[in-house]
Amino acid sequence: MTVFERIKKLANDQGKGVSKVATDLGFSENLFYRWKTSEPKARDLEKVADYFGVSVDYLLGRTESPARTEGGLSEQEQDLLMRFRRGSKNLSDEEKAIYERQAMNLFDYINKTMKDLDEKNKPK
């Protein structure tokens, strides 16, 4: 799957067209179509990855997992974080910071709870 095809799939998953995503990001409506025959700039790919909450490696086809690798989080936690990020799309920068902090606090709580359960269930 090409970069364009991945962006188109991600956009479709959110009920948007690629032109809408491009304008949301401040790009020209046709930028993604031009990527069919040219190489995207790294900073543009990064913006797209942030917009969808996926890794640049996923956009480039280097991995089939769209999840980012976030500070030692498990794959499930990465998936949850990606879902939280999608939920924060229309928030202000300040609200996004609060939202992400709360998500990380939730992950910390989940990790602690799971470790506590592991300790409790260890054979004696």
PDB file of N, CA and C in Angstrom:
ATOM      1  N   MET A   1       0.850  -1.174   0.000  1.00  0.00           N
ATOM      2  CA  MET A   1       0.000   0.000   0.000  1.00  0.00           C
ATOM      3  C   MET A   1       0.901   1.246   0.000  1.00  0.00           C
ATOM      4  N   THR A   2       0.581   2.211  -0.852  1.00  0.00           N
ATOM      5  CA  THR A   2       1.373   3.434  -0.952  1.00  0.00           C
ATOM      6  C   THR A   2       1.006   4.413   0.166  1.00  0.00           C
ATOM      7  N   VAL A   3       1.813   5.458   0.295  1.00  0.00           N
ATOM      8  CA  VAL A   3       1.521   6.507   1.277  1.00  0.00           C
ATOM      9  C   VAL A   3       0.139   7.089   0.998  1.00  0.00           C
ATOM     10  N   PHE A   4      -0.135   7.373  -0.258  1.00  0.00           N
ATOM     11  CA  PHE A   4      -1.440   7.933  -0.617  1.00  0.00           C
ATOM     12  C   PHE A   4      -2.564   6.986  -0.212  1.00  0.00           C
ATOM     13  N   GLU A   5      -2.413   5.712  -0.502  1.00  0.00           N
ATOM     14  CA  GLU A   5      -3.466   4.736  -0.179  1.00  0.00           C
ATOM     15  C   GLU A   5      -3.702   4.642   1.323  1.00  0.00           C
ATOM     16  N   ARG A   6      -2.620   4.722   2.095  1.00  0.00           N
ATOM     17  CA  ARG A   6      -2.776   4.669   3.552  1.00  0.00           C
ATOM     18  C   ARG A   6      -3.504   5.919   4.064  1.00  0.00           C
ATOM     19  N   ILE A   7      -3.138   7.068   3.537  1.00  0.00           N
ATOM     20  CA  ILE A   7      -3.806   8.310   3.948  1.00  0.00           C
ATOM     21  C   ILE A   7      -5.275   8.267   3.546  1.00  0.00           C
ATOM     22  N   LYS A   8      -5.549   7.773   2.352  1.00  0.00           N
ATOM     23  CA  LYS A   8      -6.931   7.676   1.886  1.00  0.00           C
ATOM     24  C   LYS A   8      -7.733   6.748   2.799  1.00  0.00           C
ATOM     25  N   LYS A   9      -7.146   5.620   3.185  1.00  0.00           N
ATOM     26  CA  LYS A   9      -7.838   4.683   4.079  1.00  0.00           C
ATOM     27  C   LYS A   9      -8.101   5.323   5.440  1.00  0.00           C
ATOM     28  N   LEU A  10      -7.100   5.979   6.003  1.00  0.00           N
ATOM     29  CA  LEU A  10      -7.268   6.639   7.301  1.00  0.00           C
ATOM     30  C   LEU A  10      -8.345   7.721   7.223  1.00  0.00           C
ATOM     31  N   ALA A  11      -8.320   8.482   6.140  1.00  0.00           N
ATOM     32  CA  ALA A  11      -9.332   9.536   5.957  1.00  0.00           C
ATOM     33  C   ALA A  11     -10.722   8.921   5.851  1.00  0.00           C
ATOM     34  N   ASN A  12     -10.849   7.885   5.051  1.00  0.00           N
ATOM     35  CA  ASN A  12     -12.140   7.211   4.894  1.00  0.00           C
ATOM     36  C   ASN A  12     -12.642   6.658   6.214  1.00  0.00           C
ATOM     37  N   ASP A  13     -11.726   6.113   7.020  1.00  0.00           N
ATOM     38  CA  ASP A  13     -12.098   5.577   8.335  1.00  0.00           C
ATOM     39  C   ASP A  13     -12.711   6.653   9.227  1.00  0.00           C
ATOM     40  N   GLN A  14     -12.342   7.906   8.981  1.00  0.00           N
ATOM     41  CA  GLN A  14     -12.881   9.022   9.751  1.00  0.00           C
ATOM     42  C   GLN A  14     -14.002   9.744   9.003  1.00  0.00           C
ATOM     43  N   GLY A  15     -14.423   9.162   7.885  1.00  0.00           N
ATOM     44  CA  GLY A  15     -15.515   9.751   7.116  1.00  0.00           C
ATOM     45  C   GLY A  15     -15.126  11.030   6.393  1.00  0.00           C
ATOM     46  N   LYS A  16     -13.853  11.147   6.033  1.00  0.00           N
ATOM     47  CA  LYS A  16     -13.366  12.352   5.360  1.00  0.00           C
ATOM     48  C   LYS A  16     -12.720  11.977   4.039  1.00  0.00           C
ATOM     49  N   GLY A  17     -12.621  12.949   3.163  1.00  0.00           N
ATOM     50  CA  GLY A  17     -11.869  12.784   1.929  1.00  0.00           C
ATOM     51  C   GLY A  17     -10.443  13.266   2.132  1.00  0.00           C
ATOM     52  N   VAL A  18      -9.550  12.848   1.245  1.00  0.00           N
ATOM     53  CA  VAL A  18      -8.151  13.265   1.380  1.00  0.00           C
ATOM     54  C   VAL A  18      -7.994  14.769   1.176  1.00  0.00           C
ATOM     55  N   SER A  19      -8.826  15.365   0.349  1.00  0.00           N
ATOM     56  CA  SER A  19      -8.757  16.821   0.145  1.00  0.00           C
ATOM     57  C   SER A  19      -9.088  17.564   1.432  1.00  0.00           C
ATOM     58  N   LYS A  20     -10.089  17.074   2.170  1.00  0.00           N
ATOM     59  CA  LYS A  20     -10.482  17.690   3.448  1.00  0.00           C
ATOM     60  C   LYS A  20      -9.340  17.579   4.453  1.00  0.00           C
ATOM     61  N   VAL A  21      -8.714  16.395   4.533  1.00  0.00           N
ATOM     62  CA  VAL A  21      -7.589  16.205   5.459  1.00  0.00           C
ATOM     63  C   VAL A  21      -6.466  17.174   5.100  1.00  0.00           C
ATOM     64  N   ALA A  22      -6.178  17.285   3.804  1.00  0.00           N
ATOM     65  CA  ALA A  22      -5.108  18.188   3.358  1.00  0.00           C
ATOM     66  C   ALA A  22      -5.386  19.619   3.788  1.00  0.00           C
ATOM     67  N   THR A  23      -6.621  20.096   3.578  1.00  0.00           N
ATOM     68  CA  THR A  23      -6.932  21.478   3.962  1.00  0.00           C
ATOM     69  C   THR A  23      -6.961  21.631   5.480  1.00  0.00           C
ATOM     70  N   ASP A  24      -7.391  20.593   6.215  1.00  0.00           N
ATOM     71  CA  ASP A  24      -7.334  20.647   7.685  1.00  0.00           C
ATOM     72  C   ASP A  24      -5.907  20.880   8.164  1.00  0.00           C
ATOM     73  N   LEU A  25      -4.955  20.318   7.436  1.00  0.00           N
ATOM     74  CA  LEU A  25      -3.550  20.426   7.820  1.00  0.00           C
ATOM     75  C   LEU A  25      -2.854  21.657   7.238  1.00  0.00           C
ATOM     76  N   GLY A  26      -3.604  22.438   6.461  1.00  0.00           N
ATOM     77  CA  GLY A  26      -3.015  23.638   5.870  1.00  0.00           C
ATOM     78  C   GLY A  26      -2.261  23.362   4.580  1.00  0.00           C
ATOM     79  N   PHE A  27      -2.483  22.201   3.976  1.00  0.00           N
ATOM     80  CA  PHE A  27      -1.856  21.844   2.706  1.00  0.00           C
ATOM     81  C   PHE A  27      -2.811  22.208   1.567  1.00  0.00           C
ATOM     82  N   SER A  28      -2.283  22.180   0.356  1.00  0.00           N
ATOM     83  CA  SER A  28      -3.164  22.333  -0.801  1.00  0.00           C
ATOM     84  C   SER A  28      -4.025  21.077  -0.922  1.00  0.00           C
ATOM     85  N   GLU A  29      -5.202  21.242  -1.516  1.00  0.00           N
ATOM     86  CA  GLU A  29      -6.139  20.117  -1.634  1.00  0.00           C
ATOM     87  C   GLU A  29      -5.549  18.939  -2.395  1.00  0.00           C
ATOM     88  N   ASN A  30      -4.616  19.203  -3.285  1.00  0.00           N
ATOM     89  CA  ASN A  30      -4.077  18.150  -4.158  1.00  0.00           C
ATOM     90  C   ASN A  30      -2.736  17.586  -3.701  1.00  0.00           C
ATOM     91  N   LEU A  31      -2.238  18.002  -2.543  1.00  0.00           N
ATOM     92  CA  LEU A  31      -0.908  17.560  -2.126  1.00  0.00           C
ATOM     93  C   LEU A  31      -0.793  16.036  -2.089  1.00  0.00           C
ATOM     94  N   PHE A  32      -1.749  15.376  -1.477  1.00  0.00           N
ATOM     95  CA  PHE A  32      -1.651  13.925  -1.338  1.00  0.00           C
ATOM     96  C   PHE A  32      -1.665  13.227  -2.701  1.00  0.00           C
ATOM     97  N   TYR A  33      -2.401  13.781  -3.639  1.00  0.00           N
ATOM     98  CA  TYR A  33      -2.410  13.207  -4.982  1.00  0.00           C
ATOM     99  C   TYR A  33      -1.033  13.342  -5.635  1.00  0.00           C
ATOM    100  N   ARG A  34      -0.348  14.440  -5.358  1.00  0.00           N
ATOM    101  CA  ARG A  34       1.005  14.626  -5.896  1.00  0.00           C
ATOM    102  C   ARG A  34       1.970  13.614  -5.296  1.00  0.00           C
ATOM    103  N   TRP A  35       1.668  13.131  -4.087  1.00  0.00           N
ATOM    104  CA  TRP A  35       2.545  12.143  -3.453  1.00  0.00           C
ATOM    105  C   TRP A  35       2.500  10.792  -4.158  1.00  0.00           C
ATOM    106  N   LYS A  36       1.590  10.632  -5.080  1.00  0.00           N
ATOM    107  CA  LYS A  36       1.559   9.401  -5.871  1.00  0.00           C
ATOM    108  C   LYS A  36       2.796   9.303  -6.760  1.00  0.00           C
ATOM    109  N   THR A  37       3.350  10.473  -7.155  1.00  0.00           N
ATOM    110  CA  THR A  37       4.490  10.486  -8.082  1.00  0.00           C
ATOM    111  C   THR A  37       5.723  11.190  -7.526  1.00  0.00           C
ATOM    112  N   SER A  38       5.616  11.709  -6.303  1.00  0.00           N
ATOM    113  CA  SER A  38       6.768  12.396  -5.712  1.00  0.00           C
ATOM    114  C   SER A  38       6.913  11.997  -4.246  1.00  0.00           C
ATOM    115  N   GLU A  39       8.054  12.293  -3.702  1.00  0.00           N
ATOM    116  CA  GLU A  39       8.341  11.964  -2.306  1.00  0.00           C
ATOM    117  C   GLU A  39       7.838  13.073  -1.378  1.00  0.00           C
ATOM    118  N   PRO A  40       7.099  12.717  -0.337  1.00  0.00           N
ATOM    119  CA  PRO A  40       6.648  13.735   0.621  1.00  0.00           C
ATOM    120  C   PRO A  40       7.798  14.227   1.491  1.00  0.00           C
ATOM    121  N   LYS A  41       7.672  15.442   1.970  1.00  0.00           N
ATOM    122  CA  LYS A  41       8.651  15.988   2.911  1.00  0.00           C
ATOM    123  C   LYS A  41       8.430  15.364   4.282  1.00  0.00           C
ATOM    124  N   ALA A  42       9.495  15.179   5.016  1.00  0.00           N
ATOM    125  CA  ALA A  42       9.423  14.538   6.340  1.00  0.00           C
ATOM    126  C   ALA A  42       8.488  15.305   7.272  1.00  0.00           C
ATOM    127  N   ARG A  43       8.592  16.629   7.296  1.00  0.00           N
ATOM    128  CA  ARG A  43       7.750  17.398   8.227  1.00  0.00           C
ATOM    129  C   ARG A  43       6.267  17.307   7.844  1.00  0.00           C
ATOM    130  N   ASP A  44       5.978  17.159   6.531  1.00  0.00           N
ATOM    131  CA  ASP A  44       4.589  16.987   6.106  1.00  0.00           C
ATOM    132  C   ASP A  44       4.065  15.620   6.531  1.00  0.00           C
ATOM    133  N   LEU A  45       4.894  14.594   6.389  1.00  0.00           N
ATOM    134  CA  LEU A  45       4.502  13.259   6.840  1.00  0.00           C
ATOM    135  C   LEU A  45       4.241  13.248   8.343  1.00  0.00           C
ATOM    136  N   GLU A  46       5.068  13.964   9.074  1.00  0.00           N
ATOM    137  CA  GLU A  46       4.908  14.034  10.525  1.00  0.00           C
ATOM    138  C   GLU A  46       3.564  14.686  10.891  1.00  0.00           C
ATOM    139  N   LYS A  47       3.203  15.742  10.180  1.00  0.00           N
ATOM    140  CA  LYS A  47       1.907  16.398  10.422  1.00  0.00           C
ATOM    141  C   LYS A  47       0.747  15.443  10.165  1.00  0.00           C
ATOM    142  N   VAL A  48       0.846  14.680   9.080  1.00  0.00           N
ATOM    143  CA  VAL A  48      -0.211  13.727   8.740  1.00  0.00           C
ATOM    144  C   VAL A  48      -0.294  12.634   9.804  1.00  0.00           C
ATOM    145  N   ALA A  49       0.871  12.136  10.228  1.00  0.00           N
ATOM    146  CA  ALA A  49       0.905  11.094  11.254  1.00  0.00           C
ATOM    147  C   ALA A  49       0.279  11.607  12.548  1.00  0.00           C
ATOM    148  N   ASP A  50       0.604  12.824  12.944  1.00  0.00           N
ATOM    149  CA  ASP A  50       0.021  13.415  14.155  1.00  0.00           C
ATOM    150  C   ASP A  50      -1.479  13.588  14.010  1.00  0.00           C
ATOM    151  N   TYR A  51      -1.918  13.999  12.842  1.00  0.00           N
ATOM    152  CA  TYR A  51      -3.343  14.219  12.577  1.00  0.00           C
ATOM    153  C   TYR A  51      -4.140  12.929  12.794  1.00  0.00           C
ATOM    154  N   PHE A  52      -3.598  11.828  12.297  1.00  0.00           N
ATOM    155  CA  PHE A  52      -4.304  10.552  12.412  1.00  0.00           C
ATOM    156  C   PHE A  52      -3.915   9.759  13.650  1.00  0.00           C
ATOM    157  N   GLY A  53      -2.884  10.201  14.374  1.00  0.00           N
ATOM    158  CA  GLY A  53      -2.439   9.458  15.550  1.00  0.00           C
ATOM    159  C   GLY A  53      -1.753   8.156  15.190  1.00  0.00           C
ATOM    160  N   VAL A  54      -1.030   8.159  14.076  1.00  0.00           N
ATOM    161  CA  VAL A  54      -0.306   6.970  13.637  1.00  0.00           C
ATOM    162  C   VAL A  54       1.175   7.308  13.523  1.00  0.00           C
ATOM    163  N   SER A  55       1.973   6.288  13.288  1.00  0.00           N
ATOM    164  CA  SER A  55       3.408   6.520  13.128  1.00  0.00           C
ATOM    165  C   SER A  55       3.729   6.872  11.680  1.00  0.00           C
ATOM    166  N   VAL A  56       4.823   7.587  11.493  1.00  0.00           N
ATOM    167  CA  VAL A  56       5.316   7.879  10.152  1.00  0.00           C
ATOM    168  C   VAL A  56       5.691   6.563   9.463  1.00  0.00           C
ATOM    169  N   ASP A  57       6.246   5.623  10.224  1.00  0.00           N
ATOM    170  CA  ASP A  57       6.585   4.318   9.654  1.00  0.00           C
ATOM    171  C   ASP A  57       5.360   3.628   9.053  1.00  0.00           C
ATOM    172  N   TYR A  58       4.212   3.775   9.695  1.00  0.00           N
ATOM    173  CA  TYR A  58       2.989   3.196   9.143  1.00  0.00           C
ATOM    174  C   TYR A  58       2.638   3.868   7.812  1.00  0.00           C
ATOM    175  N   LEU A  59       2.714   5.194   7.764  1.00  0.00           N
ATOM    176  CA  LEU A  59       2.403   5.907   6.521  1.00  0.00           C
ATOM    177  C   LEU A  59       3.334   5.478   5.386  1.00  0.00           C
ATOM    178  N   LEU A  60       4.592   5.219   5.731  1.00  0.00           N
ATOM    179  CA  LEU A  60       5.580   4.841   4.718  1.00  0.00           C
ATOM    180  C   LEU A  60       5.520   3.359   4.357  1.00  0.00           C
ATOM    181  N   GLY A  61       4.710   2.584   5.081  1.00  0.00           N
ATOM    182  CA  GLY A  61       4.592   1.162   4.795  1.00  0.00           C
ATOM    183  C   GLY A  61       5.689   0.328   5.418  1.00  0.00           C
ATOM    184  N   ARG A  62       6.409   0.894   6.374  1.00  0.00           N
ATOM    185  CA  ARG A  62       7.481   0.147   7.053  1.00  0.00           C
ATOM    186  C   ARG A  62       6.945  -0.793   8.123  1.00  0.00           C
ATOM    187  N   THR A  63       5.707  -0.558   8.535  1.00  0.00           N
ATOM    188  CA  THR A  63       5.041  -1.418   9.505  1.00  0.00           C
ATOM    189  C   THR A  63       3.559  -1.468   9.150  1.00  0.00           C
ATOM    190  N   GLU A  64       2.938  -2.574   9.499  1.00  0.00           N
ATOM    191  CA  GLU A  64       1.501  -2.701   9.263  1.00  0.00           C
ATOM    192  C   GLU A  64       0.700  -2.206  10.456  1.00  0.00           C
ATOM    193  N   SER A  65       1.379  -1.975  11.575  1.00  0.00           N
ATOM    194  CA  SER A  65       0.703  -1.478  12.771  1.00  0.00           C
ATOM    195  C   SER A  65       0.699   0.047  12.738  1.00  0.00           C
ATOM    196  N   PRO A  66      -0.485   0.658  12.780  1.00  0.00           N
ATOM    197  CA  PRO A  66      -0.520   2.118  12.744  1.00  0.00           C
ATOM    198  C   PRO A  66      -0.082   2.769  14.051  1.00  0.00           C
ATOM    199  N   ALA A  67       0.010   1.993  15.126  1.00  0.00           N
ATOM    200  CA  ALA A  67       0.302   2.555  16.444  1.00  0.00           C
ATOM    201  C   ALA A  67       1.721   3.101  16.512  1.00  0.00           C
ATOM    202  N   ARG A  68       1.846   4.194  17.199  1.00  0.00           N
ATOM    203  CA  ARG A  68       3.165   4.773  17.473  1.00  0.00           C
ATOM    204  C   ARG A  68       3.806   4.004  18.611  1.00  0.00           C
ATOM    205  N   THR A  69       5.109   4.075  18.681  1.00  0.00           N
ATOM    206  CA  THR A  69       5.792   3.531  19.839  1.00  0.00           C
ATOM    207  C   THR A  69       5.932   4.676  20.827  1.00  0.00           C
ATOM    208  N   GLU A  70       5.235   4.597  21.923  1.00  0.00           N
ATOM    209  CA  GLU A  70       5.165   5.677  22.901  1.00  0.00           C
ATOM    210  C   GLU A  70       5.798   5.238  24.215  1.00  0.00           C
ATOM    211  N   GLY A  71       6.988   5.714  24.482  1.00  0.00           N
ATOM    212  CA  GLY A  71       7.615   5.535  25.783  1.00  0.00           C
ATOM    213  C   GLY A  71       7.390   4.214  26.486  1.00  0.00           C
ATOM    214  N   GLY A  72       7.594   3.097  25.805  1.00  0.00           N
ATOM    215  CA  GLY A  72       7.499   1.809  26.459  1.00  0.00           C
ATOM    216  C   GLY A  72       6.086   1.295  26.659  1.00  0.00           C
ATOM    217  N   LEU A  73       5.107   1.884  26.006  1.00  0.00           N
ATOM    218  CA  LEU A  73       3.734   1.427  26.149  1.00  0.00           C
ATOM    219  C   LEU A  73       3.534   0.144  25.359  1.00  0.00           C
ATOM    220  N   SER A  74       2.662  -0.710  25.860  1.00  0.00           N
ATOM    221  CA  SER A  74       2.332  -1.935  25.143  1.00  0.00           C
ATOM    222  C   SER A  74       1.537  -1.588  23.896  1.00  0.00           C
ATOM    223  N   GLU A  75       1.357  -2.574  23.026  1.00  0.00           N
ATOM    224  CA  GLU A  75       0.598  -2.344  21.799  1.00  0.00           C
ATOM    225  C   GLU A  75      -0.838  -1.939  22.115  1.00  0.00           C
ATOM    226  N   GLN A  76      -1.436  -2.561  23.125  1.00  0.00           N
ATOM    227  CA  GLN A  76      -2.801  -2.200  23.509  1.00  0.00           C
ATOM    228  C   GLN A  76      -2.869  -0.764  24.027  1.00  0.00           C
ATOM    229  N   GLU A  77      -1.886  -0.382  24.817  1.00  0.00           N
ATOM    230  CA  GLU A  77      -1.861   0.985  25.338  1.00  0.00           C
ATOM    231  C   GLU A  77      -1.670   1.988  24.207  1.00  0.00           C
ATOM    232  N   GLN A  78      -0.825   1.629  23.241  1.00  0.00           N
ATOM    233  CA  GLN A  78      -0.630   2.503  22.092  1.00  0.00           C
ATOM    234  C   GLN A  78      -1.935   2.675  21.320  1.00  0.00           C
ATOM    235  N   ASP A  79      -2.675   1.580  21.166  1.00  0.00           N
ATOM    236  CA  ASP A  79      -3.960   1.648  20.484  1.00  0.00           C
ATOM    237  C   ASP A  79      -4.916   2.574  21.231  1.00  0.00           C
ATOM    238  N   LEU A  80      -4.954   2.436  22.553  1.00  0.00           N
ATOM    239  CA  LEU A  80      -5.821   3.304  23.344  1.00  0.00           C
ATOM    240  C   LEU A  80      -5.404   4.759  23.219  1.00  0.00           C
ATOM    241  N   LEU A  81      -4.110   5.002  23.248  1.00  0.00           N
ATOM    242  CA  LEU A  81      -3.624   6.379  23.124  1.00  0.00           C
ATOM    243  C   LEU A  81      -4.012   6.958  21.771  1.00  0.00           C
ATOM    244  N   MET A  82      -3.915   6.146  20.726  1.00  0.00           N
ATOM    245  CA  MET A  82      -4.310   6.611  19.411  1.00  0.00           C
ATOM    246  C   MET A  82      -5.794   6.987  19.415  1.00  0.00           C
ATOM    247  N   ARG A  83      -6.621   6.188  20.092  1.00  0.00           N
ATOM    248  CA  ARG A  83      -8.051   6.492  20.166  1.00  0.00           C
ATOM    249  C   ARG A  83      -8.294   7.778  20.954  1.00  0.00           C
ATOM    250  N   PHE A  84      -7.533   7.975  22.042  1.00  0.00           N
ATOM    251  CA  PHE A  84      -7.664   9.213  22.810  1.00  0.00           C
ATOM    252  C   PHE A  84      -7.278  10.411  21.953  1.00  0.00           C
ATOM    253  N   ARG A  85      -6.221  10.274  21.174  1.00  0.00           N
ATOM    254  CA  ARG A  85      -5.783  11.387  20.329  1.00  0.00           C
ATOM    255  C   ARG A  85      -6.834  11.744  19.298  1.00  0.00           C
ATOM    256  N   ARG A  86      -7.459  10.725  18.716  1.00  0.00           N
ATOM    257  CA  ARG A  86      -8.530  11.007  17.757  1.00  0.00           C
ATOM    258  C   ARG A  86      -9.658  11.770  18.433  1.00  0.00           C
ATOM    259  N   GLY A  87      -9.929  11.428  19.700  1.00  0.00           N
ATOM    260  CA  GLY A  87     -10.987  12.099  20.444  1.00  0.00           C
ATOM    261  C   GLY A  87     -10.662  13.525  20.808  1.00  0.00           C
ATOM    262  N   SER A  88      -9.390  13.889  20.729  1.00  0.00           N
ATOM    263  CA  SER A  88      -8.985  15.233  21.124  1.00  0.00           C
ATOM    264  C   SER A  88      -8.772  16.166  19.935  1.00  0.00           C
ATOM    265  N   LYS A  89      -9.151  15.747  18.755  1.00  0.00           N
ATOM    266  CA  LYS A  89      -8.890  16.517  17.534  1.00  0.00           C
ATOM    267  C   LYS A  89      -9.418  17.946  17.567  1.00  0.00           C
ATOM    268  N   ASN A  90     -10.611  18.154  18.110  1.00  0.00           N
ATOM    269  CA  ASN A  90     -11.225  19.477  18.045  1.00  0.00           C
ATOM    270  C   ASN A  90     -11.014  20.308  19.308  1.00  0.00           C
ATOM    271  N   LEU A  91     -10.067  19.918  20.134  1.00  0.00           N
ATOM    272  CA  LEU A  91      -9.798  20.653  21.364  1.00  0.00           C
ATOM    273  C   LEU A  91      -8.723  21.707  21.130  1.00  0.00           C
ATOM    274  N   SER A  92      -8.706  22.703  21.989  1.00  0.00           N
ATOM    275  CA  SER A  92      -7.634  23.709  21.925  1.00  0.00           C
ATOM    276  C   SER A  92      -6.328  23.054  22.365  1.00  0.00           C
ATOM    277  N   ASP A  93      -5.209  23.719  22.144  1.00  0.00           N
ATOM    278  CA  ASP A  93      -3.912  23.170  22.551  1.00  0.00           C
ATOM    279  C   ASP A  93      -3.876  22.904  24.054  1.00  0.00           C
ATOM    280  N   GLU A  94      -4.436  23.831  24.824  1.00  0.00           N
ATOM    281  CA  GLU A  94      -4.459  23.654  26.285  1.00  0.00           C
ATOM    282  C   GLU A  94      -5.315  22.451  26.675  1.00  0.00           C
ATOM    283  N   GLU A  95      -6.475  22.335  26.051  1.00  0.00           N
ATOM    284  CA  GLU A  95      -7.356  21.195  26.341  1.00  0.00           C
ATOM    285  C   GLU A  95      -6.709  19.883  25.907  1.00  0.00           C
ATOM    286  N   LYS A  96      -5.997  19.891  24.770  1.00  0.00           N
ATOM    287  CA  LYS A  96      -5.299  18.687  24.307  1.00  0.00           C
ATOM    288  C   LYS A  96      -4.240  18.256  25.312  1.00  0.00           C
ATOM    289  N   ALA A  97      -3.516  19.213  25.867  1.00  0.00           N
ATOM    290  CA  ALA A  97      -2.480  18.885  26.853  1.00  0.00           C
ATOM    291  C   ALA A  97      -3.104  18.225  28.081  1.00  0.00           C
ATOM    292  N   ILE A  98      -4.205  18.754  28.542  1.00  0.00           N
ATOM    293  CA  ILE A  98      -4.914  18.169  29.685  1.00  0.00           C
ATOM    294  C   ILE A  98      -5.408  16.774  29.326  1.00  0.00           C
ATOM    295  N   TYR A  99      -6.003  16.659  28.173  1.00  0.00           N
ATOM    296  CA  TYR A  99      -6.560  15.392  27.694  1.00  0.00           C
ATOM    297  C   TYR A  99      -5.471  14.315  27.638  1.00  0.00           C
ATOM    298  N   GLU A 100      -4.324  14.653  27.047  1.00  0.00           N
ATOM    299  CA  GLU A 100      -3.230  13.684  26.938  1.00  0.00           C
ATOM    300  C   GLU A 100      -2.641  13.345  28.305  1.00  0.00           C
ATOM    301  N   ARG A 101      -2.550  14.337  29.187  1.00  0.00           N
ATOM    302  CA  ARG A 101      -2.046  14.067  30.539  1.00  0.00           C
ATOM    303  C   ARG A 101      -2.967  13.082  31.256  1.00  0.00           C
ATOM    304  N   GLN A 102      -4.259  13.289  31.101  1.00  0.00           N
ATOM    305  CA  GLN A 102      -5.222  12.389  31.733  1.00  0.00           C
ATOM    306  C   GLN A 102      -5.115  10.983  31.146  1.00  0.00           C
ATOM    307  N   ALA A 103      -4.907  10.891  29.845  1.00  0.00           N
ATOM    308  CA  ALA A 103      -4.738   9.578  29.213  1.00  0.00           C
ATOM    309  C   ALA A 103      -3.509   8.872  29.772  1.00  0.00           C
ATOM    310  N   MET A 104      -2.420   9.599  29.921  1.00  0.00           N
ATOM    311  CA  MET A 104      -1.195   8.991  30.461  1.00  0.00           C
ATOM    312  C   MET A 104      -1.398   8.575  31.914  1.00  0.00           C
ATOM    313  N   ASN A 105      -2.121   9.381  32.679  1.00  0.00           N
ATOM    314  CA  ASN A 105      -2.424   8.992  34.061  1.00  0.00           C
ATOM    315  C   ASN A 105      -3.236   7.707  34.090  1.00  0.00           C
ATOM    316  N   LEU A 106      -4.167   7.580  33.168  1.00  0.00           N
ATOM    317  CA  LEU A 106      -4.966   6.359  33.083  1.00  0.00           C
ATOM    318  C   LEU A 106      -4.072   5.160  32.768  1.00  0.00           C
ATOM    319  N   PHE A 107      -3.151   5.317  31.817  1.00  0.00           N
ATOM    320  CA  PHE A 107      -2.246   4.221  31.483  1.00  0.00           C
ATOM    321  C   PHE A 107      -1.362   3.849  32.672  1.00  0.00           C
ATOM    322  N   ASP A 108      -0.888   4.842  33.393  1.00  0.00           N
ATOM    323  CA  ASP A 108      -0.086   4.563  34.591  1.00  0.00           C
ATOM    324  C   ASP A 108      -0.894   3.760  35.602  1.00  0.00           C
ATOM    325  N   TYR A 109      -2.140   4.141  35.788  1.00  0.00           N
ATOM    326  CA  TYR A 109      -3.030   3.429  36.717  1.00  0.00           C
ATOM    327  C   TYR A 109      -3.248   1.988  36.258  1.00  0.00           C
ATOM    328  N   ILE A 110      -3.497   1.806  34.969  1.00  0.00           N
ATOM    329  CA  ILE A 110      -3.699   0.461  34.430  1.00  0.00           C
ATOM    330  C   ILE A 110      -2.446  -0.387  34.637  1.00  0.00           C
ATOM    331  N   ASN A 111      -1.282   0.184  34.328  1.00  0.00           N
ATOM    332  CA  ASN A 111      -0.028  -0.558  34.522  1.00  0.00           C
ATOM    333  C   ASN A 111       0.162  -0.957  35.973  1.00  0.00           C
ATOM    334  N   LYS A 112      -0.078  -0.044  36.894  1.00  0.00           N
ATOM    335  CA  LYS A 112       0.085  -0.337  38.319  1.00  0.00           C
ATOM    336  C   LYS A 112      -0.891  -1.425  38.751  1.00  0.00           C
ATOM    337  N   THR A 113      -2.131  -1.312  38.305  1.00  0.00           N
ATOM    338  CA  THR A 113      -3.143  -2.304  38.658  1.00  0.00           C
ATOM    339  C   THR A 113      -2.753  -3.682  38.140  1.00  0.00           C
ATOM    340  N   MET A 114      -2.266  -3.743  36.915  1.00  0.00           N
ATOM    341  CA  MET A 114      -1.866  -5.032  36.342  1.00  0.00           C
ATOM    342  C   MET A 114      -0.662  -5.615  37.080  1.00  0.00           C
ATOM    343  N   LYS A 115       0.284  -4.781  37.443  1.00  0.00           N
ATOM    344  CA  LYS A 115       1.440  -5.273  38.217  1.00  0.00           C
ATOM    345  C   LYS A 115       0.991  -5.786  39.580  1.00  0.00           C
ATOM    346  N   ASP A 116       0.085  -5.051  40.218  1.00  0.00           N
ATOM    347  CA  ASP A 116      -0.437  -5.491  41.515  1.00  0.00           C
ATOM    348  C   ASP A 116      -1.143  -6.836  41.385  1.00  0.00           C
ATOM    349  N   LEU A 117      -1.919  -7.008  40.332  1.00  0.00           N
ATOM    350  CA  LEU A 117      -2.606  -8.282  40.107  1.00  0.00           C
ATOM    351  C   LEU A 117      -1.612  -9.414  39.849  1.00  0.00           C
ATOM    352  N   ASP A 118      -0.580  -9.119  39.074  1.00  0.00           N
ATOM    353  CA  ASP A 118       0.452 -10.128  38.815  1.00  0.00           C
ATOM    354  C   ASP A 118       1.115 -10.572  40.113  1.00  0.00           C
ATOM    355  N   GLU A 119       1.444  -9.607  40.957  1.00  0.00           N
ATOM    356  CA  GLU A 119       2.072  -9.928  42.245  1.00  0.00           C
ATOM    357  C   GLU A 119       1.138 -10.751  43.118  1.00  0.00           C
ATOM    358  N   LYS A 120      -0.119 -10.363  43.145  1.00  0.00           N
ATOM    359  CA  LYS A 120      -1.114 -11.059  43.967  1.00  0.00           C
ATOM    360  C   LYS A 120      -1.335 -12.489  43.489  1.00  0.00           C
ATOM    361  N   ASN A 121      -1.256 -12.717  42.176  1.00  0.00           N
ATOM    362  CA  ASN A 121      -1.541 -14.030  41.615  1.00  0.00           C
ATOM    363  C   ASN A 121      -0.308 -14.909  41.420  1.00  0.00           C
ATOM    364  N   LYS A 122       0.847 -14.429  41.827  1.00  0.00           N
ATOM    365  CA  LYS A 122       2.066 -15.250  41.710  1.00  0.00           C
ATOM    366  C   LYS A 122       1.942 -16.450  42.645  1.00  0.00           C
ATOM    367  N   PRO A 123       2.386 -17.620  42.147  1.00  0.00           N
ATOM    368  CA  PRO A 123       2.362 -18.794  43.030  1.00  0.00           C
ATOM    369  C   PRO A 123       3.317 -18.593  44.212  1.00  0.00           C
ATOM    370  N   LYS A 124       2.893 -19.084  45.352  1.00  0.00           N
ATOM    371  CA  LYS A 124       3.732 -18.918  46.562  1.00  0.00           C
ATOM    372  C   LYS A 124       4.442 -20.178  46.900  1.00  0.00           C
TER     373      LYS A 124
END
